[in-house]
Amino acid sequence: PSTVTYNDNTYSVTSIGWYAFDHCSGLTSVTIPNSVTSIG
């Protein structure tokens, strides 16, 4: 998602962090939103 809500606050998703999906061999496709500026 481009945004996510936690404790009544909405945050913009701006990066995919280090090792975020390391060894997620079952993923078949990924869509990265326009809010993200870096892939770690």
PDB file of all heavy atoms in Angstrom:
ATOM      1  N   PRO A   1       0.830  -1.216   0.000  1.00  0.00           N
ATOM      2  CA  PRO A   1       0.000   0.000   0.000  1.00  0.00           C
ATOM      3  C   PRO A   1       0.860   1.260   0.000  1.00  0.00           C
ATOM      4  O   PRO A   1       2.021   1.249   0.427  1.00  0.00           O
ATOM      5  CB  PRO A   1      -0.790  -0.124   1.305  1.00  0.00           C
ATOM      6  CG  PRO A   1       0.112  -0.901   2.212  1.00  0.00           C
ATOM      7  CD  PRO A   1       0.819  -1.888   1.320  1.00  0.00           C
ATOM      8  N   SER A   2       0.288   2.353  -0.476  1.00  0.00           N
ATOM      9  CA  SER A   2       1.004   3.638  -0.462  1.00  0.00           C
ATOM     10  C   SER A   2       0.880   4.329   0.887  1.00  0.00           C
ATOM     11  O   SER A   2       1.732   5.140   1.265  1.00  0.00           O
ATOM     12  CB  SER A   2       0.474   4.557  -1.566  1.00  0.00           C
ATOM     13  OG  SER A   2      -0.924   4.759  -1.417  1.00  0.00           O
ATOM     14  N   THR A   3      -0.179   4.006   1.639  1.00  0.00           N
ATOM     15  CA  THR A   3      -0.358   4.549   2.986  1.00  0.00           C
ATOM     16  C   THR A   3      -0.825   3.445   3.918  1.00  0.00           C
ATOM     17  O   THR A   3      -1.400   2.436   3.466  1.00  0.00           O
ATOM     18  CB  THR A   3      -1.386   5.700   3.028  1.00  0.00           C
ATOM     19  OG1 THR A   3      -2.662   5.202   2.597  1.00  0.00           O
ATOM     20  CG2 THR A   3      -0.951   6.873   2.166  1.00  0.00           C
ATOM     21  N   VAL A   4      -0.578   3.631   5.207  1.00  0.00           N
ATOM     22  CA  VAL A   4      -1.016   2.664   6.202  1.00  0.00           C
ATOM     23  C   VAL A   4      -1.362   3.419   7.483  1.00  0.00           C
ATOM     24  O   VAL A   4      -0.721   4.425   7.812  1.00  0.00           O
ATOM     25  CB  VAL A   4       0.085   1.601   6.452  1.00  0.00           C
ATOM     26  CG1 VAL A   4       1.337   2.226   7.036  1.00  0.00           C
ATOM     27  CG2 VAL A   4      -0.427   0.463   7.300  1.00  0.00           C
ATOM     28  N   THR A   5      -2.379   2.960   8.191  1.00  0.00           N
ATOM     29  CA  THR A   5      -2.851   3.647   9.400  1.00  0.00           C
ATOM     30  C   THR A   5      -2.517   2.840  10.644  1.00  0.00           C
ATOM     31  O   THR A   5      -2.715   1.620  10.680  1.00  0.00           O
ATOM     32  CB  THR A   5      -4.372   3.882   9.321  1.00  0.00           C
ATOM     33  OG1 THR A   5      -4.661   4.685   8.172  1.00  0.00           O
ATOM     34  CG2 THR A   5      -4.875   4.603  10.563  1.00  0.00           C
ATOM     35  N   TYR A   6      -2.010   3.562  11.650  1.00  0.00           N
ATOM     36  CA  TYR A   6      -1.667   2.939  12.924  1.00  0.00           C
ATOM     37  C   TYR A   6      -1.925   3.949  14.042  1.00  0.00           C
ATOM     38  O   TYR A   6      -1.490   5.098  13.964  1.00  0.00           O
ATOM     39  CB  TYR A   6      -0.196   2.511  12.914  1.00  0.00           C
ATOM     40  CG  TYR A   6       0.328   2.007  14.243  1.00  0.00           C
ATOM     41  CD1 TYR A   6      -0.171   0.847  14.830  1.00  0.00           C
ATOM     42  CD2 TYR A   6       1.355   2.694  14.895  1.00  0.00           C
ATOM     43  CE1 TYR A   6       0.322   0.382  16.033  1.00  0.00           C
ATOM     44  CE2 TYR A   6       1.861   2.227  16.109  1.00  0.00           C
ATOM     45  CZ  TYR A   6       1.336   1.073  16.672  1.00  0.00           C
ATOM     46  OH  TYR A   6       1.823   0.619  17.866  1.00  0.00           O
ATOM     47  N   ASN A   7      -2.644   3.535  15.069  1.00  0.00           N
ATOM     48  CA  ASN A   7      -2.990   4.415  16.202  1.00  0.00           C
ATOM     49  C   ASN A   7      -3.609   5.741  15.728  1.00  0.00           C
ATOM     50  O   ASN A   7      -3.235   6.830  16.191  1.00  0.00           O
ATOM     51  CB  ASN A   7      -1.760   4.698  17.065  1.00  0.00           C
ATOM     52  CG  ASN A   7      -1.426   3.529  17.980  1.00  0.00           C
ATOM     53  OD1 ASN A   7      -2.219   2.598  18.129  1.00  0.00           O
ATOM     54  ND2 ASN A   7      -0.244   3.563  18.584  1.00  0.00           N
ATOM     55  N   ASP A   8      -4.521   5.631  14.771  1.00  0.00           N
ATOM     56  CA  ASP A   8      -5.255   6.776  14.229  1.00  0.00           C
ATOM     57  C   ASP A   8      -4.378   7.745  13.436  1.00  0.00           C
ATOM     58  O   ASP A   8      -4.821   8.845  13.085  1.00  0.00           O
ATOM     59  CB  ASP A   8      -5.969   7.554  15.346  1.00  0.00           C
ATOM     60  CG  ASP A   8      -7.045   6.725  16.030  1.00  0.00           C
ATOM     61  OD1 ASP A   8      -7.691   5.921  15.330  1.00  0.00           O
ATOM     62  OD2 ASP A   8      -7.230   6.879  17.251  1.00  0.00           O
ATOM     63  N   ASN A   9      -3.146   7.355  13.150  1.00  0.00           N
ATOM     64  CA  ASN A   9      -2.265   8.162  12.300  1.00  0.00           C
ATOM     65  C   ASN A   9      -2.060   7.449  10.971  1.00  0.00           C
ATOM     66  O   ASN A   9      -1.878   6.224  10.936  1.00  0.00           O
ATOM     67  CB  ASN A   9      -0.905   8.381  12.973  1.00  0.00           C
ATOM     68  CG  ASN A   9      -0.999   9.222  14.224  1.00  0.00           C
ATOM     69  OD1 ASN A   9      -1.636  10.277  14.223  1.00  0.00           O
ATOM     70  ND2 ASN A   9      -0.375   8.773  15.306  1.00  0.00           N
ATOM     71  N   THR A  10      -2.112   8.218   9.894  1.00  0.00           N
ATOM     72  CA  THR A  10      -1.890   7.655   8.567  1.00  0.00           C
ATOM     73  C   THR A  10      -0.496   8.027   8.085  1.00  0.00           C
ATOM     74  O   THR A  10      -0.121   9.202   8.085  1.00  0.00           O
ATOM     75  CB  THR A  10      -2.947   8.151   7.570  1.00  0.00           C
ATOM     76  OG1 THR A  10      -4.242   7.726   8.022  1.00  0.00           O
ATOM     77  CG2 THR A  10      -2.700   7.573   6.177  1.00  0.00           C
ATOM     78  N   TYR A  11       0.268   7.000   7.692  1.00  0.00           N
ATOM     79  CA  TYR A  11       1.651   7.200   7.273  1.00  0.00           C
ATOM     80  C   TYR A  11       1.805   6.866   5.795  1.00  0.00           C
ATOM     81  O   TYR A  11       1.151   5.957   5.273  1.00  0.00           O
ATOM     82  CB  TYR A  11       2.585   6.304   8.074  1.00  0.00           C
ATOM     83  CG  TYR A  11       2.576   6.545   9.566  1.00  0.00           C
ATOM     84  CD1 TYR A  11       1.731   5.802  10.405  1.00  0.00           C
ATOM     85  CD2 TYR A  11       3.401   7.491  10.148  1.00  0.00           C
ATOM     86  CE1 TYR A  11       1.726   6.003  11.777  1.00  0.00           C
ATOM     87  CE2 TYR A  11       3.405   7.707  11.516  1.00  0.00           C
ATOM     88  CZ  TYR A  11       2.559   6.964  12.322  1.00  0.00           C
ATOM     89  OH  TYR A  11       2.554   7.171  13.681  1.00  0.00           O
ATOM     90  N   SER A  12       2.719   7.572   5.145  1.00  0.00           N
ATOM     91  CA  SER A  12       3.079   7.249   3.776  1.00  0.00           C
ATOM     92  C   SER A  12       4.168   6.176   3.777  1.00  0.00           C
ATOM     93  O   SER A  12       5.119   6.244   4.562  1.00  0.00           O
ATOM     94  CB  SER A  12       3.591   8.508   3.053  1.00  0.00           C
ATOM     95  OG  SER A  12       3.924   8.214   1.715  1.00  0.00           O
ATOM     96  N   VAL A  13       4.007   5.188   2.928  1.00  0.00           N
ATOM     97  CA  VAL A  13       5.000   4.121   2.812  1.00  0.00           C
ATOM     98  C   VAL A  13       6.054   4.580   1.807  1.00  0.00           C
ATOM     99  O   VAL A  13       5.785   4.664   0.612  1.00  0.00           O
ATOM    100  CB  VAL A  13       4.353   2.796   2.346  1.00  0.00           C
ATOM    101  CG1 VAL A  13       5.406   1.702   2.215  1.00  0.00           C
ATOM    102  CG2 VAL A  13       3.251   2.372   3.308  1.00  0.00           C
ATOM    103  N   THR A  14       7.258   4.897   2.308  1.00  0.00           N
ATOM    104  CA  THR A  14       8.260   5.535   1.452  1.00  0.00           C
ATOM    105  C   THR A  14       9.463   4.668   1.114  1.00  0.00           C
ATOM    106  O   THR A  14      10.262   5.052   0.255  1.00  0.00           O
ATOM    107  CB  THR A  14       8.767   6.840   2.098  1.00  0.00           C
ATOM    108  OG1 THR A  14       9.307   6.540   3.397  1.00  0.00           O
ATOM    109  CG2 THR A  14       7.641   7.856   2.240  1.00  0.00           C
ATOM    110  N   SER A  15       9.606   3.511   1.754  1.00  0.00           N
ATOM    111  CA  SER A  15      10.760   2.674   1.428  1.00  0.00           C
ATOM    112  C   SER A  15      10.496   1.209   1.734  1.00  0.00           C
ATOM    113  O   SER A  15       9.661   0.869   2.578  1.00  0.00           O
ATOM    114  CB  SER A  15      12.013   3.142   2.189  1.00  0.00           C
ATOM    115  OG  SER A  15      11.836   2.991   3.582  1.00  0.00           O
ATOM    116  N   ILE A  16      11.212   0.363   1.016  1.00  0.00           N
ATOM    117  CA  ILE A  16      11.254  -1.068   1.298  1.00  0.00           C
ATOM    118  C   ILE A  16      12.597  -1.311   1.969  1.00  0.00           C
ATOM    119  O   ILE A  16      13.652  -1.114   1.368  1.00  0.00           O
ATOM    120  CB  ILE A  16      11.146  -1.921   0.016  1.00  0.00           C
ATOM    121  CG1 ILE A  16       9.982  -1.437  -0.870  1.00  0.00           C
ATOM    122  CG2 ILE A  16      10.982  -3.393   0.371  1.00  0.00           C
ATOM    123  CD1 ILE A  16       8.628  -1.539  -0.254  1.00  0.00           C
ATOM    124  N   GLY A  17      12.586  -1.700   3.224  1.00  0.00           N
ATOM    125  CA  GLY A  17      13.808  -1.776   4.009  1.00  0.00           C
ATOM    126  C   GLY A  17      14.692  -2.967   3.690  1.00  0.00           C
ATOM    127  O   GLY A  17      14.328  -3.878   2.936  1.00  0.00           O
ATOM    128  N   TRP A  18      15.884  -2.970   4.308  1.00  0.00           N
ATOM    129  CA  TRP A  18      16.830  -4.069   4.182  1.00  0.00           C
ATOM    130  C   TRP A  18      16.168  -5.395   4.569  1.00  0.00           C
ATOM    131  O   TRP A  18      15.472  -5.480   5.582  1.00  0.00           O
ATOM    132  CB  TRP A  18      18.024  -3.836   5.097  1.00  0.00           C
ATOM    133  CG  TRP A  18      18.976  -2.764   4.663  1.00  0.00           C
ATOM    134  CD1 TRP A  18      18.698  -1.693   3.866  1.00  0.00           C
ATOM    135  CD2 TRP A  18      20.351  -2.663   5.019  1.00  0.00           C
ATOM    136  NE1 TRP A  18      19.818  -0.921   3.698  1.00  0.00           N
ATOM    137  CE2 TRP A  18      20.858  -1.494   4.402  1.00  0.00           C
ATOM    138  CE3 TRP A  18      21.201  -3.431   5.808  1.00  0.00           C
ATOM    139  CZ2 TRP A  18      22.180  -1.078   4.548  1.00  0.00           C
ATOM    140  CZ3 TRP A  18      22.522  -3.017   5.949  1.00  0.00           C
ATOM    141  CH2 TRP A  18      23.007  -1.869   5.323  1.00  0.00           C
ATOM    142  N   TYR A  19      16.371  -6.413   3.761  1.00  0.00           N
ATOM    143  CA  TYR A  19      15.922  -7.776   4.049  1.00  0.00           C
ATOM    144  C   TYR A  19      14.403  -7.881   4.241  1.00  0.00           C
ATOM    145  O   TYR A  19      13.922  -8.878   4.779  1.00  0.00           O
ATOM    146  CB  TYR A  19      16.601  -8.326   5.314  1.00  0.00           C
ATOM    147  CG  TYR A  19      18.109  -8.351   5.273  1.00  0.00           C
ATOM    148  CD1 TYR A  19      18.863  -7.315   5.807  1.00  0.00           C
ATOM    149  CD2 TYR A  19      18.785  -9.426   4.707  1.00  0.00           C
ATOM    150  CE1 TYR A  19      20.249  -7.333   5.765  1.00  0.00           C
ATOM    151  CE2 TYR A  19      20.172  -9.459   4.663  1.00  0.00           C
ATOM    152  CZ  TYR A  19      20.901  -8.406   5.198  1.00  0.00           C
ATOM    153  OH  TYR A  19      22.272  -8.431   5.156  1.00  0.00           O
ATOM    154  N   ALA A  20      13.644  -6.902   3.786  1.00  0.00           N
ATOM    155  CA  ALA A  20      12.205  -6.879   4.068  1.00  0.00           C
ATOM    156  C   ALA A  20      11.501  -8.160   3.631  1.00  0.00           C
ATOM    157  O   ALA A  20      10.611  -8.658   4.330  1.00  0.00           O
ATOM    158  CB  ALA A  20      11.558  -5.668   3.398  1.00  0.00           C
ATOM    159  N   PHE A  21      11.880  -8.698   2.473  1.00  0.00           N
ATOM    160  CA  PHE A  21      11.235  -9.919   1.965  1.00  0.00           C
ATOM    161  C   PHE A  21      12.268 -10.995   1.640  1.00  0.00           C
ATOM    162  O   PHE A  21      12.062 -11.825   0.746  1.00  0.00           O
ATOM    163  CB  PHE A  21      10.385  -9.585   0.738  1.00  0.00           C
ATOM    164  CG  PHE A  21       9.255  -8.636   1.035  1.00  0.00           C
ATOM    165  CD1 PHE A  21       9.364  -7.287   0.732  1.00  0.00           C
ATOM    166  CD2 PHE A  21       8.103  -9.084   1.653  1.00  0.00           C
ATOM    167  CE1 PHE A  21       8.336  -6.393   1.028  1.00  0.00           C
ATOM    168  CE2 PHE A  21       7.068  -8.204   1.954  1.00  0.00           C
ATOM    169  CZ  PHE A  21       7.186  -6.859   1.636  1.00  0.00           C
ATOM    170  N   ASP A  22      13.362 -10.997   2.370  1.00  0.00           N
ATOM    171  CA  ASP A  22      14.422 -11.983   2.195  1.00  0.00           C
ATOM    172  C   ASP A  22      13.856 -13.401   2.300  1.00  0.00           C
ATOM    173  O   ASP A  22      13.158 -13.744   3.247  1.00  0.00           O
ATOM    174  CB  ASP A  22      15.472 -11.753   3.285  1.00  0.00           C
ATOM    175  CG  ASP A  22      16.749 -12.550   3.084  1.00  0.00           C
ATOM    176  OD1 ASP A  22      16.659 -13.697   2.615  1.00  0.00           O
ATOM    177  OD2 ASP A  22      17.836 -12.038   3.401  1.00  0.00           O
ATOM    178  N   HIS A  23      14.150 -14.221   1.270  1.00  0.00           N
ATOM    179  CA  HIS A  23      13.739 -15.631   1.236  1.00  0.00           C
ATOM    180  C   HIS A  23      12.212 -15.827   1.190  1.00  0.00           C
ATOM    181  O   HIS A  23      11.723 -16.907   1.553  1.00  0.00           O
ATOM    182  CB  HIS A  23      14.302 -16.407   2.431  1.00  0.00           C
ATOM    183  CG  HIS A  23      15.725 -16.847   2.229  1.00  0.00           C
ATOM    184  ND1 HIS A  23      16.797 -16.053   2.551  1.00  0.00           N
ATOM    185  CD2 HIS A  23      16.242 -17.997   1.735  1.00  0.00           C
ATOM    186  CE1 HIS A  23      17.922 -16.692   2.274  1.00  0.00           C
ATOM    187  NE2 HIS A  23      17.617 -17.868   1.759  1.00  0.00           N
ATOM    188  N   CYS A  24      11.477 -14.832   0.722  1.00  0.00           N
ATOM    189  CA  CYS A  24      10.029 -15.010   0.536  1.00  0.00           C
ATOM    190  C   CYS A  24       9.798 -15.690  -0.817  1.00  0.00           C
ATOM    191  O   CYS A  24       9.296 -15.074  -1.776  1.00  0.00           O
ATOM    192  CB  CYS A  24       9.298 -13.673   0.625  1.00  0.00           C
ATOM    193  SG  CYS A  24       9.284 -12.966   2.288  1.00  0.00           S
ATOM    194  N   SER A  25      10.166 -16.950  -0.902  1.00  0.00           N
ATOM    195  CA  SER A  25      10.160 -17.666  -2.172  1.00  0.00           C
ATOM    196  C   SER A  25       8.753 -17.939  -2.688  1.00  0.00           C
ATOM    197  O   SER A  25       8.571 -18.293  -3.849  1.00  0.00           O
ATOM    198  CB  SER A  25      10.921 -18.984  -2.038  1.00  0.00           C
ATOM    199  OG  SER A  25      10.355 -19.788  -1.017  1.00  0.00           O
ATOM    200  N   GLY A  26       7.739 -17.771  -1.820  1.00  0.00           N
ATOM    201  CA  GLY A  26       6.363 -17.998  -2.240  1.00  0.00           C
ATOM    202  C   GLY A  26       5.698 -16.792  -2.876  1.00  0.00           C
ATOM    203  O   GLY A  26       4.583 -16.901  -3.393  1.00  0.00           O
ATOM    204  N   LEU A  27       6.365 -15.644  -2.863  1.00  0.00           N
ATOM    205  CA  LEU A  27       5.819 -14.472  -3.554  1.00  0.00           C
ATOM    206  C   LEU A  27       5.883 -14.695  -5.056  1.00  0.00           C
ATOM    207  O   LEU A  27       6.915 -15.125  -5.586  1.00  0.00           O
ATOM    208  CB  LEU A  27       6.595 -13.208  -3.191  1.00  0.00           C
ATOM    209  CG  LEU A  27       6.366 -12.604  -1.806  1.00  0.00           C
ATOM    210  CD1 LEU A  27       7.262 -11.375  -1.613  1.00  0.00           C
ATOM    211  CD2 LEU A  27       4.908 -12.229  -1.604  1.00  0.00           C
ATOM    212  N   THR A  28       4.800 -14.376  -5.759  1.00  0.00           N
ATOM    213  CA  THR A  28       4.768 -14.574  -7.211  1.00  0.00           C
ATOM    214  C   THR A  28       4.801 -13.254  -7.975  1.00  0.00           C
ATOM    215  O   THR A  28       5.294 -13.203  -9.107  1.00  0.00           O
ATOM    216  CB  THR A  28       3.526 -15.371  -7.619  1.00  0.00           C
ATOM    217  OG1 THR A  28       2.354 -14.715  -7.132  1.00  0.00           O
ATOM    218  CG2 THR A  28       3.579 -16.778  -7.030  1.00  0.00           C
ATOM    219  N   SER A  29       4.267 -12.192  -7.379  1.00  0.00           N
ATOM    220  CA  SER A  29       4.338 -10.872  -8.012  1.00  0.00           C
ATOM    221  C   SER A  29       4.300  -9.810  -6.927  1.00  0.00           C
ATOM    222  O   SER A  29       3.749 -10.028  -5.853  1.00  0.00           O
ATOM    223  CB  SER A  29       3.191 -10.663  -9.012  1.00  0.00           C
ATOM    224  OG  SER A  29       1.950 -10.575  -8.339  1.00  0.00           O
ATOM    225  N   VAL A  30       4.912  -8.669  -7.231  1.00  0.00           N
ATOM    226  CA  VAL A  30       4.956  -7.561  -6.277  1.00  0.00           C
ATOM    227  C   VAL A  30       4.669  -6.266  -7.013  1.00  0.00           C
ATOM    228  O   VAL A  30       5.241  -6.006  -8.079  1.00  0.00           O
ATOM    229  CB  VAL A  30       6.330  -7.461  -5.582  1.00  0.00           C
ATOM    230  CG1 VAL A  30       6.423  -6.193  -4.735  1.00  0.00           C
ATOM    231  CG2 VAL A  30       6.585  -8.684  -4.712  1.00  0.00           C
ATOM    232  N   THR A  31       3.775  -5.467  -6.437  1.00  0.00           N
ATOM    233  CA  THR A  31       3.512  -4.123  -6.951  1.00  0.00           C
ATOM    234  C   THR A  31       3.974  -3.126  -5.894  1.00  0.00           C
ATOM    235  O   THR A  31       3.481  -3.126  -4.766  1.00  0.00           O
ATOM    236  CB  THR A  31       2.016  -3.924  -7.252  1.00  0.00           C
ATOM    237  OG1 THR A  31       1.599  -4.876  -8.236  1.00  0.00           O
ATOM    238  CG2 THR A  31       1.755  -2.511  -7.776  1.00  0.00           C
ATOM    239  N   ILE A  32       4.924  -2.278  -6.279  1.00  0.00           N
ATOM    240  CA  ILE A  32       5.490  -1.280  -5.373  1.00  0.00           C
ATOM    241  C   ILE A  32       4.854   0.066  -5.709  1.00  0.00           C
ATOM    242  O   ILE A  32       4.910   0.516  -6.863  1.00  0.00           O
ATOM    243  CB  ILE A  32       7.019  -1.218  -5.526  1.00  0.00           C
ATOM    244  CG1 ILE A  32       7.627  -2.583  -5.145  1.00  0.00           C
ATOM    245  CG2 ILE A  32       7.621  -0.105  -4.667  1.00  0.00           C
ATOM    246  CD1 ILE A  32       9.103  -2.709  -5.453  1.00  0.00           C
ATOM    247  N   PRO A  33       4.241   0.730  -4.741  1.00  0.00           N
ATOM    248  CA  PRO A  33       3.467   1.946  -5.041  1.00  0.00           C
ATOM    249  C   PRO A  33       4.339   3.156  -5.368  1.00  0.00           C
ATOM    250  O   PRO A  33       5.553   3.171  -5.104  1.00  0.00           O
ATOM    251  CB  PRO A  33       2.686   2.176  -3.742  1.00  0.00           C
ATOM    252  CG  PRO A  33       3.577   1.625  -2.677  1.00  0.00           C
ATOM    253  CD  PRO A  33       4.218   0.421  -3.293  1.00  0.00           C
ATOM    254  N   ASN A  34       3.698   4.187  -5.909  1.00  0.00           N
ATOM    255  CA  ASN A  34       4.409   5.410  -6.288  1.00  0.00           C
ATOM    256  C   ASN A  34       4.921   6.200  -5.091  1.00  0.00           C
ATOM    257  O   ASN A  34       5.750   7.102  -5.247  1.00  0.00           O
ATOM    258  CB  ASN A  34       3.511   6.309  -7.140  1.00  0.00           C
ATOM    259  CG  ASN A  34       3.203   5.700  -8.493  1.00  0.00           C
ATOM    260  OD1 ASN A  34       3.966   4.875  -8.999  1.00  0.00           O
ATOM    261  ND2 ASN A  34       2.084   6.077  -9.082  1.00  0.00           N
ATOM    262  N   SER A  35       4.456   5.862  -3.883  1.00  0.00           N
ATOM    263  CA  SER A  35       4.932   6.562  -2.686  1.00  0.00           C
ATOM    264  C   SER A  35       6.348   6.153  -2.299  1.00  0.00           C
ATOM    265  O   SER A  35       7.058   6.894  -1.626  1.00  0.00           O
ATOM    266  CB  SER A  35       3.989   6.278  -1.511  1.00  0.00           C
ATOM    267  OG  SER A  35       3.943   4.884  -1.242  1.00  0.00           O
ATOM    268  N   VAL A  36       6.771   4.979  -2.727  1.00  0.00           N
ATOM    269  CA  VAL A  36       8.082   4.443  -2.347  1.00  0.00           C
ATOM    270  C   VAL A  36       9.183   5.105  -3.161  1.00  0.00           C
ATOM    271  O   VAL A  36       9.093   5.199  -4.387  1.00  0.00           O
ATOM    272  CB  VAL A  36       8.122   2.911  -2.532  1.00  0.00           C
ATOM    273  CG1 VAL A  36       9.542   2.369  -2.400  1.00  0.00           C
ATOM    274  CG2 VAL A  36       7.204   2.232  -1.529  1.00  0.00           C
ATOM    275  N   THR A  37      10.244   5.546  -2.456  1.00  0.00           N
ATOM    276  CA  THR A  37      11.372   6.202  -3.137  1.00  0.00           C
ATOM    277  C   THR A  37      12.630   5.349  -3.158  1.00  0.00           C
ATOM    278  O   THR A  37      13.544   5.638  -3.944  1.00  0.00           O
ATOM    279  CB  THR A  37      11.699   7.556  -2.471  1.00  0.00           C
ATOM    280  OG1 THR A  37      12.040   7.339  -1.101  1.00  0.00           O
ATOM    281  CG2 THR A  37      10.506   8.503  -2.555  1.00  0.00           C
ATOM    282  N   SER A  38      12.716   4.326  -2.316  1.00  0.00           N
ATOM    283  CA  SER A  38      13.932   3.509  -2.309  1.00  0.00           C
ATOM    284  C   SER A  38      13.608   2.046  -2.005  1.00  0.00           C
ATOM    285  O   SER A  38      12.692   1.731  -1.246  1.00  0.00           O
ATOM    286  CB  SER A  38      14.937   4.031  -1.287  1.00  0.00           C
ATOM    287  OG  SER A  38      14.434   3.923   0.031  1.00  0.00           O
ATOM    288  N   ILE A  39      14.391   1.167  -2.635  1.00  0.00           N
ATOM    289  CA  ILE A  39      14.313  -0.270  -2.399  1.00  0.00           C
ATOM    290  C   ILE A  39      15.640  -0.676  -1.787  1.00  0.00           C
ATOM    291  O   ILE A  39      16.695  -0.549  -2.412  1.00  0.00           O
ATOM    292  CB  ILE A  39      14.044  -1.042  -3.699  1.00  0.00           C
ATOM    293  CG1 ILE A  39      12.716  -0.593  -4.318  1.00  0.00           C
ATOM    294  CG2 ILE A  39      14.015  -2.546  -3.443  1.00  0.00           C
ATOM    295  CD1 ILE A  39      12.438  -1.179  -5.691  1.00  0.00           C
ATOM    296  N   GLY A  40      15.613  -1.125  -0.541  1.00  0.00           N
ATOM    297  CA  GLY A  40      16.825  -1.335   0.228  1.00  0.00           C
ATOM    298  C   GLY A  40      17.618  -2.573  -0.136  1.00  0.00           C
ATOM    299  O   GLY A  40      17.186  -3.438  -0.904  1.00  0.00           O
TER     300      GLY A  40
END
